[in-house]
C-alpha atoms as a PDB file:
ATOM      1  CA  MET A   1     100.184 103.465  91.183  1.00  0.00           C
ATOM      2  CA  ARG A   2     103.908 105.100  89.745  1.00  0.00           C
ATOM      3  CA  ALA A   3     105.074 103.645  86.962  1.00  0.00           C
ATOM      4  CA  ASP A   4     108.434 102.738  88.997  1.00  0.00           C
ATOM      5  CA  ALA A   5     106.065 100.748  91.325  1.00  0.00           C
ATOM      6  CA  ARG A   6     103.965  99.649  88.710  1.00  0.00           C
ATOM      7  CA  ARG A   7     107.668  97.895  86.938  1.00  0.00           C
ATOM      8  CA  ASN A   8     108.613  96.731  90.445  1.00  0.00           C
ATOM      9  CA  TYR A   9     105.188  94.953  90.740  1.00  0.00           C
ATOM     10  CA  GLU A  10     105.222  93.078  87.102  1.00  0.00           C
ATOM     11  CA  ARG A  11     109.721  92.506  87.498  1.00  0.00           C
ATOM     12  CA  LEU A  12     108.428  90.757  90.926  1.00  0.00           C
ATOM     13  CA  LEU A  13     105.432  88.771  89.539  1.00  0.00           C
ATOM     14  CA  ASP A  14     107.815  87.561  86.801  1.00  0.00           C
ATOM     15  CA  ALA A  15     110.296  86.441  89.144  1.00  0.00           C
ATOM     16  CA  ALA A  16     108.026  84.745  91.418  1.00  0.00           C
ATOM     17  CA  LYS A  17     106.276  83.154  88.530  1.00  0.00           C
ATOM     18  CA  ALA A  18     109.908  81.951  87.267  1.00  0.00           C
ATOM     19  CA  ALA A  19     111.245  81.045  91.227  1.00  0.00           C
ATOM     20  CA  PHE A  20     107.474  79.068  91.827  1.00  0.00           C
ATOM     21  CA  ALA A  21     107.748  76.807  88.578  1.00  0.00           C
ATOM     22  CA  GLU A  22     111.082  76.272  89.727  1.00  0.00           C
ATOM     23  CA  HIS A  23     110.676  75.307  93.256  1.00  0.00           C
ATOM     24  CA  GLY A  24     107.388  75.319  93.815  1.00  0.00           C
ATOM     25  CA  THR A  25     105.726  77.830  96.454  1.00  0.00           C
ATOM     26  CA  ASP A  26     108.254  77.480  99.145  1.00  0.00           C
ATOM     27  CA  ALA A  27     110.882  79.861  97.016  1.00  0.00           C
ATOM     28  CA  PRO A  28     112.859  81.497  99.534  1.00  0.00           C
ATOM     29  CA  LEU A  29     111.423  85.435  99.270  1.00  0.00           C
ATOM     30  CA  ASP A  30     114.574  86.748  99.415  1.00  0.00           C
ATOM     31  CA  ASP A  31     115.553  84.964  96.285  1.00  0.00           C
ATOM     32  CA  ILE A  32     112.554  86.324  94.246  1.00  0.00           C
ATOM     33  CA  ALA A  33     113.364  90.150  95.507  1.00  0.00           C
ATOM     34  CA  LYS A  34     116.904  89.201  94.227  1.00  0.00           C
ATOM     35  CA  ARG A  35     115.823  87.552  90.959  1.00  0.00           C
ATOM     36  CA  ALA A  36     113.461  90.952  90.395  1.00  0.00           C
ATOM     37  CA  GLY A  37     116.231  93.145  91.030  1.00  0.00           C
ATOM     38  CA  VAL A  38     114.592  94.653  93.701  1.00  0.00           C
ATOM     39  CA  GLY A  39     115.667  94.692  98.272  1.00  0.00           C
ATOM     40  CA  SER A  40     113.241  92.766 100.257  1.00  0.00           C
ATOM     41  CA  GLY A  41     111.187  95.732 101.790  1.00  0.00           C
ATOM     42  CA  THR A  42     109.789  96.494  98.077  1.00  0.00           C
ATOM     43  CA  LEU A  43     108.978  92.810  97.677  1.00  0.00           C
ATOM     44  CA  TYR A  44     107.054  93.013 101.208  1.00  0.00           C
ATOM     45  CA  ARG A  45     105.171  96.847 100.237  1.00  0.00           C
ATOM     46  CA  HIS A  46     103.648  95.377  97.275  1.00  0.00           C
ATOM     47  CA  PHE A  47     102.795  91.363  98.993  1.00  0.00           C
ATOM     48  CA  PRO A  48     102.987  91.721 102.598  1.00  0.00           C
ATOM     49  CA  THR A  49     102.350  88.403 103.296  1.00  0.00           C
ATOM     50  CA  ARG A  50     103.262  84.814 100.919  1.00  0.00           C
ATOM     51  CA  LEU A  51      99.863  84.087 100.101  1.00  0.00           C
ATOM     52  CA  ASP A  52      99.364  87.684  98.664  1.00  0.00           C
ATOM     53  CA  LEU A  53     102.581  87.265  96.296  1.00  0.00           C
ATOM     54  CA  VAL A  54     100.225  83.162  95.812  1.00  0.00           C
ATOM     55  CA  GLU A  55      97.744  84.493  95.116  1.00  0.00           C
ATOM     56  CA  ALA A  56      98.863  87.667  92.674  1.00  0.00           C
ATOM     57  CA  VAL A  57     100.959  85.014  90.392  1.00  0.00           C
ATOM     58  CA  PHE A  58      97.962  82.707  90.256  1.00  0.00           C
ATOM     59  CA  ARG A  59      95.607  85.247  89.259  1.00  0.00           C
ATOM     60  CA  VAL A  60      97.993  86.384  86.162  1.00  0.00           C
ATOM     61  CA  GLN A  61      98.780  82.463  85.274  1.00  0.00           C
ATOM     62  CA  MET A  62      94.492  81.736  85.990  1.00  0.00           C
ATOM     63  CA  GLU A  63      93.480  84.788  83.872  1.00  0.00           C
ATOM     64  CA  ARG A  64      95.751  83.271  81.380  1.00  0.00           C
ATOM     65  CA  LEU A  65      94.546  79.904  81.024  1.00  0.00           C
ATOM     66  CA  ILE A  66      91.015  80.966  81.002  1.00  0.00           C
ATOM     67  CA  ALA A  67      91.713  83.511  78.020  1.00  0.00           C
ATOM     68  CA  ARG A  68      93.260  80.820  76.601  1.00  0.00           C
ATOM     69  CA  THR A  69      89.531  78.732  77.239  1.00  0.00           C
ATOM     70  CA  ASN A  70      87.475  81.183  74.517  1.00  0.00           C
ATOM     71  CA  ASP A  71      89.132  79.382  71.543  1.00  0.00           C
ATOM     72  CA  LEU A  72      87.757  76.003  72.435  1.00  0.00           C
ATOM     73  CA  LEU A  73      84.577  77.347  72.894  1.00  0.00           C
ATOM     74  CA  ASP A  74      84.846  77.426  68.684  1.00  0.00           C
ATOM     75  CA  GLU A  75      86.454  74.201  68.659  1.00  0.00           C
ATOM     76  CA  PRO A  76      84.345  71.993  66.147  1.00  0.00           C
ATOM     77  CA  ASP A  77      84.822  68.992  68.651  1.00  0.00           C
ATOM     78  CA  ALA A  78      83.399  69.738  71.812  1.00  0.00           C
ATOM     79  CA  GLY A  79      84.939  66.675  73.233  1.00  0.00           C
ATOM     80  CA  GLN A  80      88.146  67.114  71.991  1.00  0.00           C
ATOM     81  CA  ALA A  81      87.815  70.597  73.306  1.00  0.00           C
ATOM     82  CA  LEU A  82      87.167  69.668  77.122  1.00  0.00           C
ATOM     83  CA  GLN A  83      90.109  66.834  76.698  1.00  0.00           C
ATOM     84  CA  VAL A  84      92.347  70.052  75.919  1.00  0.00           C
ATOM     85  CA  PHE A  85      91.134  72.177  78.423  1.00  0.00           C
ATOM     86  CA  LEU A  86      91.788  69.397  80.972  1.00  0.00           C
ATOM     87  CA  ARG A  87      95.081  69.159  79.895  1.00  0.00           C
ATOM     88  CA  ARG A  88      95.695  73.104  80.243  1.00  0.00           C
ATOM     89  CA  VAL A  89      94.084  72.859  84.048  1.00  0.00           C
ATOM     90  CA  VAL A  90      97.194  69.953  84.568  1.00  0.00           C
ATOM     91  CA  THR A  91      99.693  71.648  82.989  1.00  0.00           C
ATOM     92  CA  HIS A  92      98.936  74.734  84.560  1.00  0.00           C
ATOM     93  CA  SER A  93      98.623  73.244  88.431  1.00  0.00           C
ATOM     94  CA  ASN A  94     101.793  71.148  87.762  1.00  0.00           C
ATOM     95  CA  THR A  95     103.823  73.639  86.032  1.00  0.00           C
ATOM     96  CA  TYR A  96     103.006  76.299  89.355  1.00  0.00           C
ATOM     97  CA  ARG A  97     103.503  73.908  92.243  1.00  0.00           C
ATOM     98  CA  GLY A  98     101.902  74.254  95.272  1.00  0.00           C
ATOM     99  CA  LEU A  99      99.881  77.265  93.427  1.00  0.00           C
ATOM    100  CA  ALA A 100      96.426  75.683  93.474  1.00  0.00           C
ATOM    101  CA  SER A 101      97.235  73.752  96.770  1.00  0.00           C
ATOM    102  CA  ALA A 102      97.778  76.786  98.984  1.00  0.00           C
ATOM    103  CA  LEU A 103      94.815  78.479  97.744  1.00  0.00           C
ATOM    104  CA  MET A 104      92.298  75.742  97.640  1.00  0.00           C
ATOM    105  CA  SER A 105      93.982  75.770 101.412  1.00  0.00           C
ATOM    106  CA  ALA A 106      92.861  79.551 101.769  1.00  0.00           C
ATOM    107  CA  LEU A 107      89.943  78.670  99.992  1.00  0.00           C
ATOM    108  CA  ARG A 108      88.673  76.465 102.805  1.00  0.00           C
ATOM    109  CA  SER A 109      89.402  78.547 104.974  1.00  0.00           C
ATOM    110  CA  GLY A 110      87.730  81.339 103.614  1.00  0.00           C
ATOM    111  CA  GLY A 111      90.656  83.472 104.097  1.00  0.00           C
ATOM    112  CA  SER A 112      90.740  84.452 100.151  1.00  0.00           C
ATOM    113  CA  GLU A 113      88.785  86.598  98.279  1.00  0.00           C
ATOM    114  CA  LEU A 114      91.235  85.972  95.080  1.00  0.00           C
ATOM    115  CA  ALA A 115      90.962  82.443  95.901  1.00  0.00           C
ATOM    116  CA  GLN A 116      87.131  82.220  95.292  1.00  0.00           C
ATOM    117  CA  ARG A 117      87.584  84.272  92.291  1.00  0.00           C
ATOM    118  CA  CYS A 118      89.984  82.125  90.567  1.00  0.00           C
ATOM    119  CA  HIS A 119      87.294  79.336  91.597  1.00  0.00           C
ATOM    120  CA  THR A 120      84.886  81.289  90.357  1.00  0.00           C
ATOM    121  CA  MET A 121      86.569  81.941  86.755  1.00  0.00           C
ATOM    122  CA  VAL A 122      88.190  78.090  86.919  1.00  0.00           C
ATOM    123  CA  TYR A 123      84.587  76.810  87.276  1.00  0.00           C
ATOM    124  CA  GLU A 124      82.454  79.231  84.424  1.00  0.00           C
ATOM    125  CA  ALA A 125      84.949  78.536  81.922  1.00  0.00           C
ATOM    126  CA  ALA A 126      84.949  74.741  82.923  1.00  0.00           C
ATOM    127  CA  GLY A 127      81.314  74.593  83.002  1.00  0.00           C
ATOM    128  CA  GLN A 128      81.398  76.260  79.155  1.00  0.00           C
ATOM    129  CA  VAL A 129      83.533  73.729  77.744  1.00  0.00           C
ATOM    130  CA  LEU A 130      81.404  70.913  79.743  1.00  0.00           C
ATOM    131  CA  ASP A 131      78.152  71.979  78.728  1.00  0.00           C
ATOM    132  CA  ARG A 132      79.293  71.965  75.047  1.00  0.00           C
ATOM    133  CA  ALA A 133      80.415  68.612  75.316  1.00  0.00           C
ATOM    134  CA  LYS A 134      77.175  67.573  77.059  1.00  0.00           C
ATOM    135  CA  ALA A 135      75.282  69.159  74.453  1.00  0.00           C
ATOM    136  CA  ALA A 136      77.238  67.306  71.486  1.00  0.00           C
ATOM    137  CA  GLY A 137      76.688  64.222  73.594  1.00  0.00           C
ATOM    138  CA  ALA A 138      80.521  63.570  74.228  1.00  0.00           C
ATOM    139  CA  VAL A 139      79.754  63.624  77.860  1.00  0.00           C
ATOM    140  CA  ARG A 140      77.123  62.081  79.922  1.00  0.00           C
ATOM    141  CA  ALA A 141      74.205  64.506  81.045  1.00  0.00           C
ATOM    142  CA  ASP A 142      75.743  63.351  84.932  1.00  0.00           C
ATOM    143  CA  VAL A 143      78.542  65.127  84.585  1.00  0.00           C
ATOM    144  CA  ASP A 144      79.008  67.863  87.438  1.00  0.00           C
ATOM    145  CA  VAL A 145      81.465  70.693  86.977  1.00  0.00           C
ATOM    146  CA  LEU A 146      83.024  70.402  90.357  1.00  0.00           C
ATOM    147  CA  ASP A 147      83.190  67.122  90.309  1.00  0.00           C
ATOM    148  CA  LEU A 148      85.323  67.016  87.099  1.00  0.00           C
ATOM    149  CA  LEU A 149      87.472  69.573  88.294  1.00  0.00           C
ATOM    150  CA  LYS A 150      87.801  67.992  91.455  1.00  0.00           C
ATOM    151  CA  LEU A 151      88.958  64.719  89.610  1.00  0.00           C
ATOM    152  CA  VAL A 152      91.646  67.100  87.122  1.00  0.00           C
ATOM    153  CA  ASN A 153      93.156  68.437  90.752  1.00  0.00           C
ATOM    154  CA  GLY A 154      93.578  64.921  91.618  1.00  0.00           C
ATOM    155  CA  VAL A 155      95.199  64.196  88.535  1.00  0.00           C
ATOM    156  CA  ALA A 156      97.576  67.244  88.690  1.00  0.00           C
ATOM    157  CA  LEU A 157      98.309  66.504  92.495  1.00  0.00           C
ATOM    158  CA  ALA A 158      99.130  62.625  91.627  1.00  0.00           C
ATOM    159  CA  SER A 159     101.438  64.025  88.899  1.00  0.00           C
ATOM    160  CA  GLU A 160     103.083  66.472  91.171  1.00  0.00           C
ATOM    161  CA  GLN A 161     104.008  64.069  93.334  1.00  0.00           C
ATOM    162  CA  ASP A 162     105.371  61.456  90.560  1.00  0.00           C
ATOM    163  CA  PRO A 163     107.165  64.102  88.187  1.00  0.00           C
ATOM    164  CA  ASP A 164     109.711  61.860  86.331  1.00  0.00           C
ATOM    165  CA  ASP A 165     106.207  59.825  84.791  1.00  0.00           C
ATOM    166  CA  THR A 166     106.014  62.475  82.626  1.00  0.00           C
ATOM    167  CA  GLN A 167     102.923  60.373  80.510  1.00  0.00           C
ATOM    168  CA  LEU A 168     101.106  60.223  83.928  1.00  0.00           C
ATOM    169  CA  PRO A 169      98.521  62.986  83.332  1.00  0.00           C
ATOM    170  CA  ASP A 170      98.009  61.954  80.282  1.00  0.00           C
ATOM    171  CA  ARG A 171      97.428  58.384  81.208  1.00  0.00           C
ATOM    172  CA  LEU A 172      94.894  59.622  83.994  1.00  0.00           C
ATOM    173  CA  LEU A 173      92.867  61.684  81.723  1.00  0.00           C
ATOM    174  CA  ALA A 174      92.457  59.054  79.377  1.00  0.00           C
ATOM    175  CA  MET A 175      91.429  57.512  82.433  1.00  0.00           C
ATOM    176  CA  VAL A 176      88.826  60.567  83.027  1.00  0.00           C
ATOM    177  CA  THR A 177      87.839  61.190  80.041  1.00  0.00           C
ATOM    178  CA  ARG A 178      86.987  57.534  79.285  1.00  0.00           C
ATOM    179  CA  GLY A 179      84.631  57.547  82.368  1.00  0.00           C
ATOM    180  CA  LEU A 180      82.886  60.777  81.427  1.00  0.00           C
ATOM    181  CA  ARG A 181      81.695  59.095  77.870  1.00  0.00           C
ATOM    182  CA  PRO A 182      78.101  58.199  77.489  1.00  0.00           C
END
């Protein structure tokens, strides 16, 4: 990719990330292009569909979230590491309203290879943190990683529905983590 095309791509991702954080994934694409300082044609050359743009933003943010998981694998308290991971997932989902829902919809329809890769990345990261918590006796042995991710997704969706209650994610996550204990 040419240097100017790469810069435009990065600017579009940054603009989309900000727009999605402010307005959800339904943010007008023309506004994203303007925010990035490019024309609509440039946006559509890089991202032919809204889903392509959503996926690209989600991929970058998911890679950052997963990279931050590595520090939790060295956390002495494996139970606390799991709680931090779950909170990060909820915060990520709430910051980028609609991203997870849009990708989960694409995943269910089988239409998105990137959605599948992101799901796999989160599944593997969650599995590592969960396995450590199980080994430390902080979590019941029968807790399944996919079930846990579905619970966390439910917390994120509930929190998204009531954004004025800033304590809701913490209360719900506290209930979830209490239910995970042996």
